[in-house]
Amino acid sequence: MCEGDGGHVVLRTPKFRVVRVEGDEGARFPGFYRLIWNAHAAEFSDLGREDRLLCMDAVAAIEAVLRQQLQPTKINLAALGNVVPHLHWHIIPRWADDSHFPAPIWATAVRDVPSRPIDLAALDAAVVAALG
Protein backbone atom coordinates (compact mmCIF):
# COMPACT_ATOMS: atom_id res chain seq x y z
CA MET A 1 0.00 0.00 0.00
CA CYS A 2 3.05 2.22 0.31
CA GLU A 3 4.24 1.35 -3.19
CA GLY A 4 1.10 0.73 -5.28
CA ASP A 5 -2.50 1.83 -5.40
CA GLY A 6 -3.90 -1.29 -3.69
CA GLY A 7 -6.84 -1.76 -6.06
CA HIS A 8 -8.93 0.10 -8.65
CA VAL A 9 -8.59 3.77 -7.67
CA VAL A 10 -12.02 5.36 -7.32
CA LEU A 11 -10.91 8.60 -5.68
CA ARG A 12 -7.57 10.15 -4.80
CA THR A 13 -7.34 13.04 -2.34
CA PRO A 14 -4.30 14.72 -0.77
CA LYS A 15 -4.76 12.64 2.41
CA PHE A 16 -6.16 9.28 1.25
CA ARG A 17 -7.29 7.23 -1.68
CA VAL A 18 -10.32 5.00 -2.05
CA VAL A 19 -9.92 1.81 -4.04
CA ARG A 20 -12.33 -0.92 -5.01
CA VAL A 21 -10.88 -4.36 -4.45
CA GLU A 22 -10.50 -6.35 -7.65
CA GLY A 23 -9.44 -9.87 -8.56
CA ASP A 24 -10.74 -12.97 -6.81
CA GLU A 25 -11.42 -11.15 -3.54
CA GLY A 26 -13.37 -8.43 -5.33
CA ALA A 27 -15.35 -11.03 -7.28
CA ARG A 28 -16.28 -12.95 -4.11
CA PHE A 29 -17.13 -9.76 -2.21
CA PRO A 30 -18.41 -7.19 -4.73
CA GLY A 31 -18.54 -3.65 -3.42
CA PHE A 32 -15.47 -4.22 -1.21
CA TYR A 33 -13.60 -0.91 -0.83
CA ARG A 34 -10.46 0.16 0.98
CA LEU A 35 -9.63 3.62 2.23
CA ILE A 36 -5.83 3.87 2.23
CA TRP A 37 -4.05 6.69 4.04
CA ASN A 38 -1.45 8.20 1.69
CA ALA A 39 1.25 9.08 4.22
CA HIS A 40 2.82 6.09 5.90
CA ALA A 41 1.19 5.44 9.26
CA ALA A 42 1.05 2.01 10.85
CA GLU A 43 -1.75 2.72 13.33
CA PHE A 44 -4.87 4.87 13.40
CA SER A 45 -3.58 6.60 16.55
CA ASP A 46 -0.56 7.82 14.53
CA LEU A 47 -2.89 10.35 12.90
CA GLY A 48 -3.67 13.70 14.48
CA ARG A 49 -7.21 14.46 15.62
CA GLU A 50 -8.24 16.28 12.43
CA ASP A 51 -6.91 13.50 10.21
CA ARG A 52 -8.62 10.84 12.35
CA LEU A 53 -11.93 12.68 11.93
CA LEU A 54 -11.38 13.09 8.19
CA CYS A 55 -10.54 9.39 7.85
CA MET A 56 -13.51 8.10 9.82
CA ASP A 57 -15.94 10.52 8.17
CA ALA A 58 -14.82 9.11 4.81
CA VAL A 59 -15.16 5.50 6.03
CA ALA A 60 -18.67 6.29 7.32
CA ALA A 61 -19.63 7.94 4.01
CA ILE A 62 -18.52 4.86 2.05
CA GLU A 63 -20.41 2.61 4.47
CA ALA A 64 -23.55 4.71 4.03
CA VAL A 65 -23.35 4.44 0.23
CA LEU A 66 -22.96 0.67 0.41
CA ARG A 67 -25.90 0.35 2.79
CA GLN A 68 -28.12 2.53 0.60
CA GLN A 69 -27.12 1.10 -2.77
CA LEU A 70 -26.70 -2.60 -1.91
CA GLN A 71 -28.82 -3.25 1.21
CA PRO A 72 -26.35 -5.83 2.60
CA THR A 73 -27.04 -7.84 5.73
CA LYS A 74 -24.06 -6.17 7.45
CA ILE A 75 -21.06 -3.95 6.72
CA ASN A 76 -17.70 -5.12 8.03
CA LEU A 77 -15.13 -2.45 8.89
CA ALA A 78 -11.57 -3.53 9.61
CA ALA A 79 -8.17 -1.91 10.03
CA LEU A 80 -6.00 -4.92 10.73
CA GLY A 81 -2.60 -4.18 9.20
CA ASN A 82 -1.05 -7.40 10.48
CA VAL A 83 0.37 -8.26 7.06
CA VAL A 84 0.53 -4.72 5.62
CA PRO A 85 1.48 -2.25 8.38
CA HIS A 86 0.19 0.77 6.45
CA LEU A 87 -3.03 2.36 7.67
CA HIS A 88 -5.99 1.26 5.58
CA TRP A 89 -9.63 0.53 6.31
CA HIS A 90 -11.60 -2.30 4.74
CA ILE A 91 -15.27 -1.48 4.06
CA ILE A 92 -16.97 -4.74 3.09
CA PRO A 93 -20.66 -5.34 2.38
CA ARG A 94 -21.73 -8.75 3.62
CA TRP A 95 -24.79 -10.87 2.91
CA ALA A 96 -26.16 -13.75 4.96
CA ASP A 97 -25.69 -16.03 1.94
CA ASP A 98 -22.13 -14.99 1.02
CA SER A 99 -19.41 -17.62 0.94
CA HIS A 100 -18.05 -16.89 4.43
CA PHE A 101 -20.94 -15.37 6.42
CA PRO A 102 -21.04 -15.00 9.39
CA ALA A 103 -17.27 -15.50 9.62
CA PRO A 104 -14.78 -12.88 8.41
CA ILE A 105 -13.95 -12.89 4.71
CA TRP A 106 -10.45 -14.17 5.54
CA ALA A 107 -11.82 -17.34 7.16
CA THR A 108 -12.56 -20.59 5.34
CA ALA A 109 -15.49 -20.48 2.95
CA VAL A 110 -18.53 -22.42 4.14
CA ARG A 111 -20.58 -22.38 0.91
CA ASP A 112 -20.39 -21.69 -2.80
CA VAL A 113 -22.30 -18.64 -3.89
CA PRO A 114 -23.11 -17.55 -7.43
CA SER A 115 -21.82 -14.11 -8.38
CA ARG A 116 -23.87 -11.14 -7.17
CA PRO A 117 -24.52 -8.74 -10.08
CA ILE A 118 -23.65 -5.20 -9.04
CA ASP A 119 -23.17 -2.16 -11.27
CA LEU A 120 -19.70 -1.34 -9.99
CA ALA A 121 -19.32 1.80 -12.12
CA ALA A 122 -22.51 3.26 -10.63
CA LEU A 123 -21.40 2.23 -7.14
CA ASP A 124 -18.00 3.90 -7.68
CA ALA A 125 -19.76 7.07 -8.85
CA ALA A 126 -21.96 7.07 -5.73
CA VAL A 127 -18.89 6.69 -3.50
CA VAL A 128 -17.16 9.59 -5.25
CA ALA A 129 -20.29 11.75 -4.94
CA ALA A 130 -20.56 10.99 -1.22
CA LEU A 131 -16.95 12.01 -0.66
CA GLY A 132 -17.12 14.97 -3.08
C-alpha atoms as a PDB file:
ATOM      1  CA  MET A   1       0.000   0.000   0.000  1.00  0.00           C
ATOM      2  CA  CYS A   2       3.047   2.225   0.309  1.00  0.00           C
ATOM      3  CA  GLU A   3       4.238   1.346  -3.194  1.00  0.00           C
ATOM      4  CA  GLY A   4       1.103   0.727  -5.283  1.00  0.00           C
ATOM      5  CA  ASP A   5      -2.504   1.834  -5.399  1.00  0.00           C
ATOM      6  CA  GLY A   6      -3.904  -1.291  -3.694  1.00  0.00           C
ATOM      7  CA  GLY A   7      -6.841  -1.755  -6.064  1.00  0.00           C
ATOM      8  CA  HIS A   8      -8.929   0.099  -8.645  1.00  0.00           C
ATOM      9  CA  VAL A   9      -8.594   3.775  -7.668  1.00  0.00           C
ATOM     10  CA  VAL A  10     -12.020   5.358  -7.321  1.00  0.00           C
ATOM     11  CA  LEU A  11     -10.914   8.598  -5.680  1.00  0.00           C
ATOM     12  CA  ARG A  12      -7.572  10.149  -4.799  1.00  0.00           C
ATOM     13  CA  THR A  13      -7.341  13.040  -2.343  1.00  0.00           C
ATOM     14  CA  PRO A  14      -4.302  14.721  -0.771  1.00  0.00           C
ATOM     15  CA  LYS A  15      -4.759  12.644   2.413  1.00  0.00           C
ATOM     16  CA  PHE A  16      -6.158   9.284   1.251  1.00  0.00           C
ATOM     17  CA  ARG A  17      -7.292   7.233  -1.680  1.00  0.00           C
ATOM     18  CA  VAL A  18     -10.323   5.002  -2.049  1.00  0.00           C
ATOM     19  CA  VAL A  19      -9.919   1.813  -4.040  1.00  0.00           C
ATOM     20  CA  ARG A  20     -12.327  -0.921  -5.009  1.00  0.00           C
ATOM     21  CA  VAL A  21     -10.877  -4.358  -4.453  1.00  0.00           C
ATOM     22  CA  GLU A  22     -10.495  -6.351  -7.652  1.00  0.00           C
ATOM     23  CA  GLY A  23      -9.436  -9.870  -8.558  1.00  0.00           C
ATOM     24  CA  ASP A  24     -10.742 -12.967  -6.813  1.00  0.00           C
ATOM     25  CA  GLU A  25     -11.416 -11.148  -3.541  1.00  0.00           C
ATOM     26  CA  GLY A  26     -13.367  -8.434  -5.330  1.00  0.00           C
ATOM     27  CA  ALA A  27     -15.351 -11.027  -7.277  1.00  0.00           C
ATOM     28  CA  ARG A  28     -16.281 -12.953  -4.111  1.00  0.00           C
ATOM     29  CA  PHE A  29     -17.129  -9.761  -2.209  1.00  0.00           C
ATOM     30  CA  PRO A  30     -18.414  -7.189  -4.729  1.00  0.00           C
ATOM     31  CA  GLY A  31     -18.541  -3.653  -3.420  1.00  0.00           C
ATOM     32  CA  PHE A  32     -15.470  -4.221  -1.206  1.00  0.00           C
ATOM     33  CA  TYR A  33     -13.599  -0.915  -0.826  1.00  0.00           C
ATOM     34  CA  ARG A  34     -10.460   0.157   0.977  1.00  0.00           C
ATOM     35  CA  LEU A  35      -9.628   3.622   2.229  1.00  0.00           C
ATOM     36  CA  ILE A  36      -5.829   3.874   2.232  1.00  0.00           C
ATOM     37  CA  TRP A  37      -4.048   6.687   4.042  1.00  0.00           C
ATOM     38  CA  ASN A  38      -1.452   8.195   1.691  1.00  0.00           C
ATOM     39  CA  ALA A  39       1.255   9.078   4.218  1.00  0.00           C
ATOM     40  CA  HIS A  40       2.825   6.086   5.898  1.00  0.00           C
ATOM     41  CA  ALA A  41       1.192   5.440   9.258  1.00  0.00           C
ATOM     42  CA  ALA A  42       1.046   2.012  10.853  1.00  0.00           C
ATOM     43  CA  GLU A  43      -1.751   2.718  13.326  1.00  0.00           C
ATOM     44  CA  PHE A  44      -4.874   4.871  13.405  1.00  0.00           C
ATOM     45  CA  SER A  45      -3.577   6.597  16.552  1.00  0.00           C
ATOM     46  CA  ASP A  46      -0.557   7.819  14.533  1.00  0.00           C
ATOM     47  CA  LEU A  47      -2.890  10.353  12.904  1.00  0.00           C
ATOM     48  CA  GLY A  48      -3.669  13.701  14.479  1.00  0.00           C
ATOM     49  CA  ARG A  49      -7.206  14.461  15.620  1.00  0.00           C
ATOM     50  CA  GLU A  50      -8.244  16.285  12.425  1.00  0.00           C
ATOM     51  CA  ASP A  51      -6.909  13.504  10.214  1.00  0.00           C
ATOM     52  CA  ARG A  52      -8.625  10.842  12.354  1.00  0.00           C
ATOM     53  CA  LEU A  53     -11.931  12.681  11.931  1.00  0.00           C
ATOM     54  CA  LEU A  54     -11.384  13.087   8.185  1.00  0.00           C
ATOM     55  CA  CYS A  55     -10.541   9.393   7.848  1.00  0.00           C
ATOM     56  CA  MET A  56     -13.507   8.103   9.823  1.00  0.00           C
ATOM     57  CA  ASP A  57     -15.939  10.520   8.170  1.00  0.00           C
ATOM     58  CA  ALA A  58     -14.823   9.113   4.812  1.00  0.00           C
ATOM     59  CA  VAL A  59     -15.162   5.504   6.033  1.00  0.00           C
ATOM     60  CA  ALA A  60     -18.667   6.295   7.325  1.00  0.00           C
ATOM     61  CA  ALA A  61     -19.627   7.937   4.007  1.00  0.00           C
ATOM     62  CA  ILE A  62     -18.520   4.857   2.052  1.00  0.00           C
ATOM     63  CA  GLU A  63     -20.408   2.607   4.466  1.00  0.00           C
ATOM     64  CA  ALA A  64     -23.554   4.710   4.034  1.00  0.00           C
ATOM     65  CA  VAL A  65     -23.349   4.444   0.227  1.00  0.00           C
ATOM     66  CA  LEU A  66     -22.959   0.665   0.414  1.00  0.00           C
ATOM     67  CA  ARG A  67     -25.905   0.354   2.786  1.00  0.00           C
ATOM     68  CA  GLN A  68     -28.121   2.533   0.597  1.00  0.00           C
ATOM     69  CA  GLN A  69     -27.120   1.097  -2.771  1.00  0.00           C
ATOM     70  CA  LEU A  70     -26.699  -2.599  -1.908  1.00  0.00           C
ATOM     71  CA  GLN A  71     -28.820  -3.251   1.211  1.00  0.00           C
ATOM     72  CA  PRO A  72     -26.353  -5.829   2.597  1.00  0.00           C
ATOM     73  CA  THR A  73     -27.040  -7.839   5.734  1.00  0.00           C
ATOM     74  CA  LYS A  74     -24.065  -6.165   7.448  1.00  0.00           C
ATOM     75  CA  ILE A  75     -21.061  -3.954   6.724  1.00  0.00           C
ATOM     76  CA  ASN A  76     -17.696  -5.118   8.027  1.00  0.00           C
ATOM     77  CA  LEU A  77     -15.131  -2.453   8.892  1.00  0.00           C
ATOM     78  CA  ALA A  78     -11.570  -3.528   9.610  1.00  0.00           C
ATOM     79  CA  ALA A  79      -8.174  -1.910  10.027  1.00  0.00           C
ATOM     80  CA  LEU A  80      -5.999  -4.916  10.730  1.00  0.00           C
ATOM     81  CA  GLY A  81      -2.599  -4.183   9.196  1.00  0.00           C
ATOM     82  CA  ASN A  82      -1.046  -7.403  10.480  1.00  0.00           C
ATOM     83  CA  VAL A  83       0.365  -8.257   7.063  1.00  0.00           C
ATOM     84  CA  VAL A  84       0.528  -4.725   5.623  1.00  0.00           C
ATOM     85  CA  PRO A  85       1.476  -2.245   8.381  1.00  0.00           C
ATOM     86  CA  HIS A  86       0.191   0.770   6.449  1.00  0.00           C
ATOM     87  CA  LEU A  87      -3.033   2.362   7.673  1.00  0.00           C
ATOM     88  CA  HIS A  88      -5.989   1.257   5.577  1.00  0.00           C
ATOM     89  CA  TRP A  89      -9.628   0.528   6.313  1.00  0.00           C
ATOM     90  CA  HIS A  90     -11.595  -2.305   4.736  1.00  0.00           C
ATOM     91  CA  ILE A  91     -15.271  -1.484   4.065  1.00  0.00           C
ATOM     92  CA  ILE A  92     -16.965  -4.736   3.087  1.00  0.00           C
ATOM     93  CA  PRO A  93     -20.661  -5.340   2.375  1.00  0.00           C
ATOM     94  CA  ARG A  94     -21.726  -8.752   3.620  1.00  0.00           C
ATOM     95  CA  TRP A  95     -24.788 -10.867   2.915  1.00  0.00           C
ATOM     96  CA  ALA A  96     -26.162 -13.748   4.964  1.00  0.00           C
ATOM     97  CA  ASP A  97     -25.686 -16.027   1.945  1.00  0.00           C
ATOM     98  CA  ASP A  98     -22.134 -14.993   1.024  1.00  0.00           C
ATOM     99  CA  SER A  99     -19.412 -17.621   0.938  1.00  0.00           C
ATOM    100  CA  HIS A 100     -18.051 -16.886   4.426  1.00  0.00           C
ATOM    101  CA  PHE A 101     -20.938 -15.372   6.416  1.00  0.00           C
ATOM    102  CA  PRO A 102     -21.042 -14.995   9.391  1.00  0.00           C
ATOM    103  CA  ALA A 103     -17.273 -15.503   9.619  1.00  0.00           C
ATOM    104  CA  PRO A 104     -14.777 -12.885   8.411  1.00  0.00           C
ATOM    105  CA  ILE A 105     -13.949 -12.892   4.713  1.00  0.00           C
ATOM    106  CA  TRP A 106     -10.452 -14.173   5.537  1.00  0.00           C
ATOM    107  CA  ALA A 107     -11.825 -17.343   7.162  1.00  0.00           C
ATOM    108  CA  THR A 108     -12.561 -20.587   5.345  1.00  0.00           C
ATOM    109  CA  ALA A 109     -15.488 -20.483   2.951  1.00  0.00           C
ATOM    110  CA  VAL A 110     -18.533 -22.418   4.142  1.00  0.00           C
ATOM    111  CA  ARG A 111     -20.580 -22.380   0.909  1.00  0.00           C
ATOM    112  CA  ASP A 112     -20.389 -21.686  -2.799  1.00  0.00           C
ATOM    113  CA  VAL A 113     -22.304 -18.639  -3.893  1.00  0.00           C
ATOM    114  CA  PRO A 114     -23.111 -17.549  -7.426  1.00  0.00           C
ATOM    115  CA  SER A 115     -21.823 -14.112  -8.378  1.00  0.00           C
ATOM    116  CA  ARG A 116     -23.868 -11.137  -7.172  1.00  0.00           C
ATOM    117  CA  PRO A 117     -24.524  -8.744 -10.075  1.00  0.00           C
ATOM    118  CA  ILE A 118     -23.652  -5.202  -9.036  1.00  0.00           C
ATOM    119  CA  ASP A 119     -23.172  -2.164 -11.270  1.00  0.00           C
ATOM    120  CA  LEU A 120     -19.702  -1.337  -9.989  1.00  0.00           C
ATOM    121  CA  ALA A 121     -19.325   1.796 -12.124  1.00  0.00           C
ATOM    122  CA  ALA A 122     -22.512   3.257 -10.631  1.00  0.00           C
ATOM    123  CA  LEU A 123     -21.397   2.234  -7.144  1.00  0.00           C
ATOM    124  CA  ASP A 124     -18.003   3.897  -7.682  1.00  0.00           C
ATOM    125  CA  ALA A 125     -19.761   7.075  -8.850  1.00  0.00           C
ATOM    126  CA  ALA A 126     -21.963   7.073  -5.728  1.00  0.00           C
ATOM    127  CA  VAL A 127     -18.890   6.690  -3.498  1.00  0.00           C
ATOM    128  CA  VAL A 128     -17.157   9.594  -5.251  1.00  0.00           C
ATOM    129  CA  ALA A 129     -20.294  11.750  -4.936  1.00  0.00           C
ATOM    130  CA  ALA A 130     -20.559  10.985  -1.218  1.00  0.00           C
ATOM    131  CA  LEU A 131     -16.947  12.012  -0.657  1.00  0.00           C
ATOM    132  CA  GLY A 132     -17.118  14.973  -3.084  1.00  0.00           C
END
